[in-house]
Structure formats: structure tokens, C-alpha cells
């Protein structure tokens, strides 16, 4: 480990329980945001590749409605 990482590890290890929990919660929140951002970027890229990035909300909702209707007619015929 680098000296900086070792120093951080020692500081973290010396935190009292409430501060440690607050730190872990904050790290979890930051990690979640980063993963969400990464997922969003991947989804945008996929939509762009499929030529669907600039579809309007109405177009998207229309597609979802058609998909839902197809599923209902297939799964619950008659």
C-alpha cells in the first residue's frame, strides 16, 4: 500500500463507532451514485446506438403500452 492509503486506513481505524458508521454510509452513498451514473451512461449509449436517444416521452409511453397489451393478450387470452 502507498503511504497515503496506509495513513487513511489508520485514521479510519481510529474513528469512534458513530463516525465510522457515518463514513461507511457516506462511502456507500457515493458508490451508489457512481454506479447509477455508470449505468445511466451505458443506457444512454445503448439508446444512441439504437437511434432511440431522442424519442419523446409520448413515443416511449406508446411503446410501453403496446408491449403491455401484447403481454396481456399472450398471457391472458380471451
N, C-alpha and C. Protein backbone atom coordinates (compact mmCIF):
# COMPACT_ATOMS: atom_id res chain seq x y z
N UNK A 1 0.83 -1.18 0.00
CA UNK A 1 0.00 0.00 0.00
C UNK A 1 0.87 1.25 0.00
N UNK A 2 0.32 2.28 -0.58
CA UNK A 2 1.04 3.54 -0.55
C UNK A 2 0.95 4.14 0.85
N UNK A 3 1.84 5.04 1.14
CA UNK A 3 1.86 5.70 2.44
C UNK A 3 0.54 6.42 2.69
N UNK A 4 0.03 7.08 1.69
CA UNK A 4 -1.23 7.82 1.83
C UNK A 4 -2.38 6.88 2.20
N UNK A 5 -2.47 5.76 1.53
CA UNK A 5 -3.53 4.79 1.80
C UNK A 5 -3.37 4.24 3.22
N UNK A 6 -2.15 3.96 3.58
CA UNK A 6 -1.90 3.45 4.94
C UNK A 6 -2.33 4.47 5.99
N UNK A 7 -2.01 5.73 5.75
CA UNK A 7 -2.41 6.78 6.70
C UNK A 7 -3.92 6.90 6.79
N UNK A 8 -4.59 6.83 5.66
CA UNK A 8 -6.05 6.87 5.67
C UNK A 8 -6.63 5.67 6.42
N UNK A 9 -6.07 4.51 6.19
CA UNK A 9 -6.54 3.30 6.88
C UNK A 9 -6.38 3.45 8.38
N UNK A 10 -5.29 4.01 8.82
CA UNK A 10 -5.07 4.20 10.25
C UNK A 10 -6.05 5.22 10.82
N UNK A 11 -6.30 6.28 10.08
CA UNK A 11 -7.28 7.27 10.54
C UNK A 11 -8.67 6.66 10.65
N UNK A 12 -9.03 5.87 9.67
CA UNK A 12 -10.35 5.23 9.68
C UNK A 12 -10.45 4.26 10.85
N UNK A 13 -9.41 3.49 11.07
CA UNK A 13 -9.41 2.52 12.17
C UNK A 13 -9.52 3.21 13.53
N UNK A 14 -9.09 4.45 13.63
CA UNK A 14 -9.12 5.14 14.91
C UNK A 14 -10.44 5.89 15.17
N UNK A 15 -11.35 5.89 14.19
CA UNK A 15 -12.63 6.58 14.37
C UNK A 15 -13.49 5.87 15.41
N UNK A 16 -14.28 6.68 16.12
CA UNK A 16 -15.22 6.03 17.03
C UNK A 16 -16.36 5.43 16.20
N UNK A 17 -17.16 4.61 16.81
CA UNK A 17 -18.14 3.81 16.09
C UNK A 17 -19.14 4.67 15.30
N UNK A 18 -19.62 5.76 15.88
CA UNK A 18 -20.61 6.59 15.17
C UNK A 18 -19.98 7.28 13.95
N UNK A 19 -18.75 7.76 14.10
CA UNK A 19 -18.07 8.39 12.96
C UNK A 19 -17.77 7.35 11.88
N UNK A 20 -17.38 6.17 12.30
CA UNK A 20 -17.09 5.11 11.33
C UNK A 20 -18.36 4.74 10.56
N UNK A 21 -19.48 4.64 11.26
CA UNK A 21 -20.74 4.32 10.59
C UNK A 21 -21.13 5.43 9.62
N UNK A 22 -20.95 6.68 10.04
CA UNK A 22 -21.25 7.81 9.16
C UNK A 22 -20.37 7.77 7.91
N UNK A 23 -19.10 7.46 8.10
CA UNK A 23 -18.18 7.35 6.96
C UNK A 23 -18.61 6.23 6.02
N UNK A 24 -18.92 5.08 6.57
CA UNK A 24 -19.34 3.95 5.73
C UNK A 24 -20.63 4.27 4.98
N UNK A 25 -21.56 4.95 5.65
CA UNK A 25 -22.80 5.34 4.98
C UNK A 25 -22.51 6.29 3.82
N UNK A 26 -21.60 7.22 4.05
CA UNK A 26 -21.25 8.19 3.00
C UNK A 26 -20.56 7.50 1.83
N UNK A 27 -19.66 6.58 2.11
CA UNK A 27 -18.98 5.83 1.06
C UNK A 27 -20.00 5.02 0.26
N UNK A 28 -20.94 4.42 0.95
CA UNK A 28 -21.98 3.64 0.28
C UNK A 28 -22.81 4.54 -0.64
N UNK A 29 -23.17 5.72 -0.15
CA UNK A 29 -23.94 6.66 -0.96
C UNK A 29 -23.16 7.10 -2.20
N UNK A 30 -21.90 7.44 -2.01
CA UNK A 30 -21.07 7.85 -3.15
C UNK A 30 -20.90 6.72 -4.16
N UNK A 31 -20.70 5.52 -3.66
CA UNK A 31 -20.54 4.37 -4.54
C UNK A 31 -21.83 4.12 -5.33
N UNK A 32 -22.97 4.22 -4.65
CA UNK A 32 -24.25 4.03 -5.32
C UNK A 32 -24.45 5.06 -6.42
N UNK A 33 -24.14 6.33 -6.11
CA UNK A 33 -24.29 7.38 -7.12
C UNK A 33 -23.38 7.13 -8.33
N UNK A 34 -22.16 6.69 -8.06
CA UNK A 34 -21.23 6.41 -9.15
C UNK A 34 -21.73 5.27 -10.03
N UNK A 35 -22.22 4.21 -9.40
CA UNK A 35 -22.74 3.07 -10.16
C UNK A 35 -23.98 3.48 -10.96
N UNK A 36 -24.83 4.30 -10.35
CA UNK A 36 -26.02 4.77 -11.04
C UNK A 36 -25.65 5.62 -12.25
N UNK A 37 -24.65 6.46 -12.08
CA UNK A 37 -24.17 7.29 -13.17
C UNK A 37 -23.59 6.43 -14.30
N UNK A 38 -22.83 5.41 -13.94
CA UNK A 38 -22.25 4.49 -14.92
C UNK A 38 -23.36 3.76 -15.68
N UNK A 39 -24.36 3.29 -14.96
CA UNK A 39 -25.48 2.60 -15.59
C UNK A 39 -26.23 3.54 -16.53
N UNK A 40 -26.44 4.76 -16.10
CA UNK A 40 -27.12 5.75 -16.92
C UNK A 40 -26.34 6.02 -18.21
N UNK A 41 -25.02 6.16 -18.09
CA UNK A 41 -24.18 6.38 -19.27
C UNK A 41 -24.28 5.22 -20.24
N UNK A 42 -24.26 4.00 -19.73
CA UNK A 42 -24.36 2.81 -20.59
C UNK A 42 -25.71 2.77 -21.30
N UNK A 43 -26.76 3.09 -20.56
CA UNK A 43 -28.11 3.07 -21.14
C UNK A 43 -28.24 4.14 -22.22
N UNK A 44 -27.73 5.34 -21.94
CA UNK A 44 -27.75 6.41 -22.95
C UNK A 44 -27.00 5.98 -24.21
N UNK A 45 -25.83 5.36 -24.02
CA UNK A 45 -25.03 4.91 -25.17
C UNK A 45 -25.81 3.88 -25.99
N UNK A 46 -26.47 2.94 -25.28
CA UNK A 46 -27.24 1.92 -25.99
C UNK A 46 -28.39 2.55 -26.76
N UNK A 47 -29.10 3.49 -26.12
CA UNK A 47 -30.20 4.16 -26.82
C UNK A 47 -29.70 4.94 -28.03
N UNK A 48 -28.55 5.58 -27.89
CA UNK A 48 -27.98 6.32 -29.00
C UNK A 48 -27.63 5.37 -30.14
N UNK A 49 -27.03 4.23 -29.83
CA UNK A 49 -26.66 3.25 -30.85
C UNK A 49 -27.89 2.72 -31.57
N UNK A 50 -29.00 2.62 -30.84
CA UNK A 50 -30.24 2.11 -31.42
C UNK A 50 -31.08 3.21 -32.07
N UNK A 51 -30.58 4.44 -32.02
CA UNK A 51 -31.29 5.57 -32.61
C UNK A 51 -32.53 5.96 -31.83
N UNK A 52 -32.57 5.66 -30.54
CA UNK A 52 -33.75 5.93 -29.73
C UNK A 52 -33.50 6.97 -28.64
N UNK A 53 -32.35 7.59 -28.64
CA UNK A 53 -31.99 8.50 -27.56
C UNK A 53 -32.89 9.73 -27.51
N UNK A 54 -33.32 10.22 -28.66
CA UNK A 54 -34.09 11.46 -28.69
C UNK A 54 -35.59 11.24 -28.83
N UNK A 55 -36.07 10.04 -28.49
CA UNK A 55 -37.51 9.79 -28.56
C UNK A 55 -38.22 10.60 -27.48
N UNK A 56 -39.42 11.03 -27.81
CA UNK A 56 -40.20 11.80 -26.84
C UNK A 56 -40.80 10.86 -25.80
N UNK A 57 -41.23 11.46 -24.71
CA UNK A 57 -41.87 10.68 -23.64
C UNK A 57 -43.13 9.99 -24.18
N UNK A 58 -43.85 10.67 -25.06
CA UNK A 58 -45.07 10.09 -25.62
C UNK A 58 -44.75 8.85 -26.45
N UNK A 59 -43.67 8.90 -27.22
CA UNK A 59 -43.27 7.74 -28.02
C UNK A 59 -42.90 6.56 -27.12
N UNK A 60 -42.16 6.84 -26.09
CA UNK A 60 -41.75 5.79 -25.16
C UNK A 60 -42.95 5.18 -24.47
N UNK A 61 -43.86 6.04 -23.98
CA UNK A 61 -45.06 5.54 -23.31
C UNK A 61 -45.93 4.74 -24.27
N UNK A 62 -45.99 5.16 -25.53
CA UNK A 62 -46.74 4.40 -26.53
C UNK A 62 -46.15 3.01 -26.73
N UNK A 63 -44.82 2.92 -26.81
CA UNK A 63 -44.17 1.61 -26.94
C UNK A 63 -44.45 0.73 -25.74
N UNK A 64 -44.34 1.32 -24.54
CA UNK A 64 -44.61 0.55 -23.33
C UNK A 64 -46.05 0.06 -23.28
N UNK A 65 -46.98 0.87 -23.74
CA UNK A 65 -48.39 0.47 -23.77
C UNK A 65 -48.59 -0.70 -24.72
N UNK A 66 -47.96 -0.63 -25.90
CA UNK A 66 -48.08 -1.73 -26.86
C UNK A 66 -47.48 -3.01 -26.31
N UNK A 67 -46.33 -2.90 -25.64
CA UNK A 67 -45.69 -4.08 -25.05
C UNK A 67 -46.59 -4.68 -23.98
N UNK A 68 -47.15 -3.81 -23.13
CA UNK A 68 -48.04 -4.29 -22.07
C UNK A 68 -49.25 -5.00 -22.68
N UNK A 69 -49.84 -4.42 -23.72
CA UNK A 69 -51.00 -5.04 -24.38
C UNK A 69 -50.65 -6.38 -25.01
N UNK A 70 -49.47 -6.48 -25.60
CA UNK A 70 -49.02 -7.75 -26.18
C UNK A 70 -48.87 -8.82 -25.10
N UNK A 71 -48.30 -8.44 -23.99
CA UNK A 71 -48.13 -9.40 -22.88
C UNK A 71 -49.48 -9.84 -22.35
N UNK A 72 -50.39 -8.89 -22.16
CA UNK A 72 -51.72 -9.23 -21.64
C UNK A 72 -52.42 -10.17 -22.59
N UNK A 73 -52.40 -9.88 -23.89
CA UNK A 73 -53.11 -10.74 -24.84
C UNK A 73 -52.47 -12.12 -24.94
N UNK A 74 -51.16 -12.21 -24.75
CA UNK A 74 -50.49 -13.51 -24.79
C UNK A 74 -50.70 -14.30 -23.50
N UNK A 75 -50.59 -13.63 -22.37
CA UNK A 75 -50.66 -14.32 -21.08
C UNK A 75 -52.08 -14.55 -20.59
N UNK A 76 -53.00 -13.69 -21.03
CA UNK A 76 -54.38 -13.78 -20.57
C UNK A 76 -55.32 -13.73 -21.77
N UNK A 77 -55.24 -14.76 -22.64
CA UNK A 77 -56.08 -14.75 -23.84
C UNK A 77 -57.57 -14.83 -23.49
N UNK A 78 -58.37 -14.21 -24.35
CA UNK A 78 -59.83 -14.28 -24.20
C UNK A 78 -60.29 -13.40 -23.16
